């Protein structure tokens, strides 16, 4: 039997199985229930730094519910108004939630600068969510899903695919004035250079 992957709206569904007409055997318990559960979905929250102090911004990705399966999801950063290499370090990776885990963290390095500028943003995107059984076999293979159904199952496991890193600017404008010396005390104008 195969099962249709309903996509993101999948809710727990049940099927009642009834055995009957046994040949050369007896049936002690003729009824059972099969519960089809929705895969958990991964979400990621926005992060705002306290300043541009050159520290790491820590992101937390969470699963909506504990799963009996391994869940893997990729993440990557992309420029918003911040620029990789001067404001932050571009980051990519794969998060692996073991069976039963509901939270994973990763960091995006923020680079210190002394330029007075507006707050800047970086986009973090989750993609390629996949479920695996304990032996490492993709769940779509275990369930016998078609490629389209497997795609629906993968889509169903990302709830919030993007987060924004806001790098708060802590550099105010500066002003300095050079000293001026005059040759006499007669009333005159003096020129200061800022």
C-alpha atoms as a PDB file:
ATOM      1  CA  UNK A   1       0.000   0.000   0.000  1.00  0.00           C
ATOM      2  CA  UNK A   2       1.174   3.505  -0.654  1.00  0.00           C
ATOM      3  CA  UNK A   3       0.246   6.697   1.080  1.00  0.00           C
ATOM      4  CA  UNK A   4      -0.272  10.121  -0.431  1.00  0.00           C
ATOM      5  CA  UNK A   5       1.890  12.922   1.018  1.00  0.00           C
ATOM      6  CA  UNK A   6      -0.709  15.627   1.538  1.00  0.00           C
ATOM      7  CA  UNK A   7       1.741  18.520   1.881  1.00  0.00           C
ATOM      8  CA  UNK A   8       1.832  21.226   4.527  1.00  0.00           C
ATOM      9  CA  UNK A   9      -1.801  20.835   5.638  1.00  0.00           C
ATOM     10  CA  UNK A  10      -1.366  17.203   6.661  1.00  0.00           C
ATOM     11  CA  UNK A  11      -2.922  16.416  10.061  1.00  0.00           C
ATOM     12  CA  UNK A  12      -2.995  13.164  12.025  1.00  0.00           C
ATOM     13  CA  UNK A  13      -5.153  10.707  10.145  1.00  0.00           C
ATOM     14  CA  UNK A  14      -6.227   7.257  11.268  1.00  0.00           C
ATOM     15  CA  UNK A  15      -7.200   4.101   9.468  1.00  0.00           C
ATOM     16  CA  UNK A  16      -8.987   1.221  11.198  1.00  0.00           C
ATOM     17  CA  UNK A  17      -7.706  -2.164   9.984  1.00  0.00           C
ATOM     18  CA  UNK A  18      -9.978  -5.173  10.410  1.00  0.00           C
ATOM     19  CA  UNK A  19      -8.893  -8.783   9.823  1.00  0.00           C
ATOM     20  CA  UNK A  20     -11.475 -11.365   8.873  1.00  0.00           C
ATOM     21  CA  UNK A  21     -11.995 -14.699   7.117  1.00  0.00           C
ATOM     22  CA  UNK A  22      -8.869 -16.421   8.469  1.00  0.00           C
ATOM     23  CA  UNK A  23      -8.026 -19.756   6.804  1.00  0.00           C
ATOM     24  CA  UNK A  24      -6.444 -22.403   9.008  1.00  0.00           C
ATOM     25  CA  UNK A  25      -5.919 -19.823  11.780  1.00  0.00           C
ATOM     26  CA  UNK A  26      -7.816 -17.938  14.405  1.00  0.00           C
ATOM     27  CA  UNK A  27      -7.855 -14.190  14.920  1.00  0.00           C
ATOM     28  CA  UNK A  28      -7.451 -13.115  18.542  1.00  0.00           C
ATOM     29  CA  UNK A  29      -7.620  -9.370  17.963  1.00  0.00           C
ATOM     30  CA  UNK A  30      -9.277  -8.485  14.674  1.00  0.00           C
ATOM     31  CA  UNK A  31      -9.028  -4.683  14.807  1.00  0.00           C
ATOM     32  CA  UNK A  32      -6.055  -2.319  14.799  1.00  0.00           C
ATOM     33  CA  UNK A  33      -5.532   1.391  14.232  1.00  0.00           C
ATOM     34  CA  UNK A  34      -2.948   2.910  11.903  1.00  0.00           C
ATOM     35  CA  UNK A  35      -2.132   6.555  12.645  1.00  0.00           C
ATOM     36  CA  UNK A  36      -0.566   8.648   9.896  1.00  0.00           C
ATOM     37  CA  UNK A  37       1.215  11.573  11.545  1.00  0.00           C
ATOM     38  CA  UNK A  38       2.264  14.817   9.945  1.00  0.00           C
ATOM     39  CA  UNK A  39       6.007  15.303   9.749  1.00  0.00           C
ATOM     40  CA  UNK A  40       7.287  17.993  12.095  1.00  0.00           C
ATOM     41  CA  UNK A  41       8.077  21.338  10.523  1.00  0.00           C
ATOM     42  CA  UNK A  42      11.256  23.352  11.009  1.00  0.00           C
ATOM     43  CA  UNK A  43      11.094  27.070  11.818  1.00  0.00           C
ATOM     44  CA  UNK A  44      13.742  29.707  12.426  1.00  0.00           C
ATOM     45  CA  UNK A  45      13.423  32.987  14.305  1.00  0.00           C
ATOM     46  CA  UNK A  46      14.835  36.438  13.535  1.00  0.00           C
ATOM     47  CA  UNK A  47      17.904  37.657  15.453  1.00  0.00           C
ATOM     48  CA  UNK A  48      19.049  41.208  16.261  1.00  0.00           C
ATOM     49  CA  UNK A  49      22.582  41.878  17.464  1.00  0.00           C
ATOM     50  CA  UNK A  50      23.201  44.271  20.348  1.00  0.00           C
ATOM     51  CA  UNK A  51      25.982  45.959  18.365  1.00  0.00           C
ATOM     52  CA  UNK A  52      28.600  45.431  15.662  1.00  0.00           C
ATOM     53  CA  UNK A  53      31.095  44.125  18.186  1.00  0.00           C
ATOM     54  CA  UNK A  54      32.447  41.347  16.019  1.00  0.00           C
ATOM     55  CA  UNK A  55      30.586  38.563  17.856  1.00  0.00           C
ATOM     56  CA  UNK A  56      28.595  35.654  16.500  1.00  0.00           C
ATOM     57  CA  UNK A  57      24.831  35.911  16.027  1.00  0.00           C
ATOM     58  CA  UNK A  58      23.229  32.678  17.255  1.00  0.00           C
ATOM     59  CA  UNK A  59      20.183  31.329  15.422  1.00  0.00           C
ATOM     60  CA  UNK A  60      17.875  28.663  16.816  1.00  0.00           C
ATOM     61  CA  UNK A  61      15.983  26.345  14.498  1.00  0.00           C
ATOM     62  CA  UNK A  62      13.139  24.403  16.108  1.00  0.00           C
ATOM     63  CA  UNK A  63      10.972  21.441  15.182  1.00  0.00           C
ATOM     64  CA  UNK A  64       7.254  21.788  15.829  1.00  0.00           C
ATOM     65  CA  UNK A  65       7.224  18.455  17.636  1.00  0.00           C
ATOM     66  CA  UNK A  66       9.664  15.694  18.532  1.00  0.00           C
ATOM     67  CA  UNK A  67       9.993  13.180  15.723  1.00  0.00           C
ATOM     68  CA  UNK A  68      10.923   9.512  15.823  1.00  0.00           C
ATOM     69  CA  UNK A  69      12.970  10.225  12.681  1.00  0.00           C
ATOM     70  CA  UNK A  70      16.171  12.106  11.923  1.00  0.00           C
ATOM     71  CA  UNK A  71      15.451  15.497  10.304  1.00  0.00           C
ATOM     72  CA  UNK A  72      18.067  17.305   8.220  1.00  0.00           C
ATOM     73  CA  UNK A  73      17.725  20.823   6.824  1.00  0.00           C
ATOM     74  CA  UNK A  74      20.230  23.084   5.026  1.00  0.00           C
ATOM     75  CA  UNK A  75      20.761  26.759   5.854  1.00  0.00           C
ATOM     76  CA  UNK A  76      22.503  29.545   3.972  1.00  0.00           C
ATOM     77  CA  UNK A  77      22.973  33.295   4.357  1.00  0.00           C
ATOM     78  CA  UNK A  78      22.506  35.956   1.695  1.00  0.00           C
ATOM     79  CA  UNK A  79      23.016  39.701   1.614  1.00  0.00           C
ATOM     80  CA  UNK A  80      20.190  41.989   2.577  1.00  0.00           C
ATOM     81  CA  UNK A  81      21.588  45.466   3.165  1.00  0.00           C
ATOM     82  CA  UNK A  82      24.654  43.942   4.868  1.00  0.00           C
ATOM     83  CA  UNK A  83      27.491  42.681   2.666  1.00  0.00           C
ATOM     84  CA  UNK A  84      29.256  39.360   3.229  1.00  0.00           C
ATOM     85  CA  UNK A  85      32.948  39.855   3.888  1.00  0.00           C
ATOM     86  CA  UNK A  86      32.620  43.370   5.309  1.00  0.00           C
ATOM     87  CA  UNK A  87      29.596  43.180   7.646  1.00  0.00           C
ATOM     88  CA  UNK A  88      29.290  39.433   8.301  1.00  0.00           C
ATOM     89  CA  UNK A  89      30.808  36.123   7.213  1.00  0.00           C
ATOM     90  CA  UNK A  90      28.698  34.153   4.723  1.00  0.00           C
ATOM     91  CA  UNK A  91      27.598  30.865   6.285  1.00  0.00           C
ATOM     92  CA  UNK A  92      26.103  27.604   5.020  1.00  0.00           C
ATOM     93  CA  UNK A  93      25.589  24.229   6.611  1.00  0.00           C
ATOM     94  CA  UNK A  94      23.267  21.370   7.440  1.00  0.00           C
ATOM     95  CA  UNK A  95      21.416  21.013  10.730  1.00  0.00           C
ATOM     96  CA  UNK A  96      20.749  17.436  11.862  1.00  0.00           C
ATOM     97  CA  UNK A  97      18.023  16.857  14.441  1.00  0.00           C
ATOM     98  CA  UNK A  98      18.410  13.419  16.008  1.00  0.00           C
ATOM     99  CA  UNK A  99      15.219  11.489  16.739  1.00  0.00           C
ATOM    100  CA  UNK A 100      13.511  13.253  19.657  1.00  0.00           C
ATOM    101  CA  UNK A 101      15.464  16.543  19.347  1.00  0.00           C
ATOM    102  CA  UNK A 102      13.477  19.733  18.815  1.00  0.00           C
ATOM    103  CA  UNK A 103      16.134  22.472  18.800  1.00  0.00           C
ATOM    104  CA  UNK A 104      19.420  23.172  16.995  1.00  0.00           C
ATOM    105  CA  UNK A 105      21.602  26.283  16.963  1.00  0.00           C
ATOM    106  CA  UNK A 106      24.163  27.676  14.547  1.00  0.00           C
ATOM    107  CA  UNK A 107      26.098  30.922  14.357  1.00  0.00           C
ATOM    108  CA  UNK A 108      26.700  33.616  11.765  1.00  0.00           C
ATOM    109  CA  UNK A 109      29.843  35.673  12.474  1.00  0.00           C
ATOM    110  CA  UNK A 110      29.240  39.449  12.581  1.00  0.00           C
ATOM    111  CA  UNK A 111      32.267  41.554  11.640  1.00  0.00           C
ATOM    112  CA  UNK A 112      33.163  44.684  13.615  1.00  0.00           C
ATOM    113  CA  UNK A 113      33.466  47.995  11.787  1.00  0.00           C
ATOM    114  CA  UNK A 114      33.620  51.657  12.764  1.00  0.00           C
ATOM    115  CA  UNK A 115      31.481  53.093   9.971  1.00  0.00           C
ATOM    116  CA  UNK A 116      28.439  55.115  10.999  1.00  0.00           C
ATOM    117  CA  UNK A 117      25.592  53.537   9.035  1.00  0.00           C
ATOM    118  CA  UNK A 118      22.013  52.358   9.378  1.00  0.00           C
ATOM    119  CA  UNK A 119      21.186  48.962  10.850  1.00  0.00           C
ATOM    120  CA  UNK A 120      21.884  46.288   8.246  1.00  0.00           C
ATOM    121  CA  UNK A 121      20.222  42.959   7.472  1.00  0.00           C
ATOM    122  CA  UNK A 122      21.186  39.454   6.381  1.00  0.00           C
ATOM    123  CA  UNK A 123      18.704  36.807   5.221  1.00  0.00           C
ATOM    124  CA  UNK A 124      19.035  33.218   6.473  1.00  0.00           C
ATOM    125  CA  UNK A 125      17.166  30.635   4.394  1.00  0.00           C
ATOM    126  CA  UNK A 126      16.274  27.016   5.235  1.00  0.00           C
ATOM    127  CA  UNK A 127      15.947  24.492   2.392  1.00  0.00           C
ATOM    128  CA  UNK A 128      16.146  20.804   1.436  1.00  0.00           C
ATOM    129  CA  UNK A 129      14.439  19.396   4.521  1.00  0.00           C
ATOM    130  CA  UNK A 130      14.628  15.614   4.561  1.00  0.00           C
ATOM    131  CA  UNK A 131      13.506  12.948   7.021  1.00  0.00           C
ATOM    132  CA  UNK A 132      15.521   9.748   7.579  1.00  0.00           C
ATOM    133  CA  UNK A 133      14.953   6.553   9.519  1.00  0.00           C
ATOM    134  CA  UNK A 134      17.486   5.439  12.137  1.00  0.00           C
ATOM    135  CA  UNK A 135      19.554   3.575   9.532  1.00  0.00           C
ATOM    136  CA  UNK A 136      19.945   6.703   7.373  1.00  0.00           C
ATOM    137  CA  UNK A 137      17.428   5.732   4.690  1.00  0.00           C
ATOM    138  CA  UNK A 138      15.311   8.672   3.474  1.00  0.00           C
ATOM    139  CA  UNK A 139      11.795   8.386   4.898  1.00  0.00           C
ATOM    140  CA  UNK A 140      10.326   8.919   1.422  1.00  0.00           C
ATOM    141  CA  UNK A 141      12.069   5.697   0.330  1.00  0.00           C
ATOM    142  CA  UNK A 142      10.857   3.813   3.420  1.00  0.00           C
ATOM    143  CA  UNK A 143       7.271   4.930   2.715  1.00  0.00           C
ATOM    144  CA  UNK A 144       7.519   4.101  -0.999  1.00  0.00           C
ATOM    145  CA  UNK A 145       6.615   7.632  -2.091  1.00  0.00           C
ATOM    146  CA  UNK A 146       6.840   8.848  -5.654  1.00  0.00           C
ATOM    147  CA  UNK A 147       9.181  11.757  -6.460  1.00  0.00           C
ATOM    148  CA  UNK A 148       6.242  14.198  -6.363  1.00  0.00           C
ATOM    149  CA  UNK A 149       4.998  12.816  -3.029  1.00  0.00           C
ATOM    150  CA  UNK A 150       8.532  12.945  -1.608  1.00  0.00           C
ATOM    151  CA  UNK A 151       8.732  16.598  -2.703  1.00  0.00           C
ATOM    152  CA  UNK A 152       5.493  17.308  -0.841  1.00  0.00           C
ATOM    153  CA  UNK A 153       6.860  15.600   2.252  1.00  0.00           C
ATOM    154  CA  UNK A 154      10.065  17.699   2.093  1.00  0.00           C
ATOM    155  CA  UNK A 155       8.056  20.899   1.624  1.00  0.00           C
ATOM    156  CA  UNK A 156       5.864  19.982   4.570  1.00  0.00           C
ATOM    157  CA  UNK A 157       8.866  19.919   6.893  1.00  0.00           C
ATOM    158  CA  UNK A 158       9.755  23.620   6.541  1.00  0.00           C
ATOM    159  CA  UNK A 159       7.335  25.927   8.335  1.00  0.00           C
ATOM    160  CA  UNK A 160       9.196  29.255   8.353  1.00  0.00           C
ATOM    161  CA  UNK A 161      11.897  29.157   5.677  1.00  0.00           C
ATOM    162  CA  UNK A 162      13.556  32.535   6.305  1.00  0.00           C
ATOM    163  CA  UNK A 163      14.873  34.609   9.163  1.00  0.00           C
ATOM    164  CA  UNK A 164      16.420  38.059   9.257  1.00  0.00           C
ATOM    165  CA  UNK A 165      19.630  38.924  11.057  1.00  0.00           C
ATOM    166  CA  UNK A 166      19.588  42.622  11.955  1.00  0.00           C
ATOM    167  CA  UNK A 167      23.034  44.008  12.706  1.00  0.00           C
ATOM    168  CA  UNK A 168      22.456  47.002  14.977  1.00  0.00           C
ATOM    169  CA  UNK A 169      24.820  49.893  14.250  1.00  0.00           C
ATOM    170  CA  UNK A 170      26.686  51.156  17.295  1.00  0.00           C
ATOM    171  CA  UNK A 171      28.956  53.662  15.564  1.00  0.00           C
ATOM    172  CA  UNK A 172      27.895  57.273  16.046  1.00  0.00           C
ATOM    173  CA  UNK A 173      29.242  60.146  13.996  1.00  0.00           C
ATOM    174  CA  UNK A 174      32.395  61.759  15.364  1.00  0.00           C
ATOM    175  CA  UNK A 175      33.530  65.366  15.283  1.00  0.00           C
ATOM    176  CA  UNK A 176      36.889  66.841  16.136  1.00  0.00           C
ATOM    177  CA  UNK A 177      38.152  70.428  15.981  1.00  0.00           C
ATOM    178  CA  UNK A 178      41.786  71.405  15.520  1.00  0.00           C
ATOM    179  CA  UNK A 179      43.385  73.987  17.826  1.00  0.00           C
ATOM    180  CA  UNK A 180      44.009  77.458  16.427  1.00  0.00           C
ATOM    181  CA  UNK A 181      46.743  79.831  17.546  1.00  0.00           C
ATOM    182  CA  UNK A 182      46.605  83.550  16.870  1.00  0.00           C
ATOM    183  CA  UNK A 183      49.607  85.863  16.693  1.00  0.00           C
ATOM    184  CA  UNK A 184      47.987  88.693  18.682  1.00  0.00           C
ATOM    185  CA  UNK A 185      44.986  89.454  20.816  1.00  0.00           C
ATOM    186  CA  UNK A 186      43.435  92.026  18.469  1.00  0.00           C
ATOM    187  CA  UNK A 187      39.871  91.380  17.492  1.00  0.00           C
ATOM    188  CA  UNK A 188      39.859  89.221  14.410  1.00  0.00           C
ATOM    189  CA  UNK A 189      38.328  86.105  12.986  1.00  0.00           C
ATOM    190  CA  UNK A 190      39.956  82.745  13.588  1.00  0.00           C
ATOM    191  CA  UNK A 191      39.352  79.757  11.301  1.00  0.00           C
ATOM    192  CA  UNK A 192      38.723  76.369  12.882  1.00  0.00           C
ATOM    193  CA  UNK A 193      38.870  73.140  10.874  1.00  0.00           C
ATOM    194  CA  UNK A 194      36.577  70.303  11.842  1.00  0.00           C
END
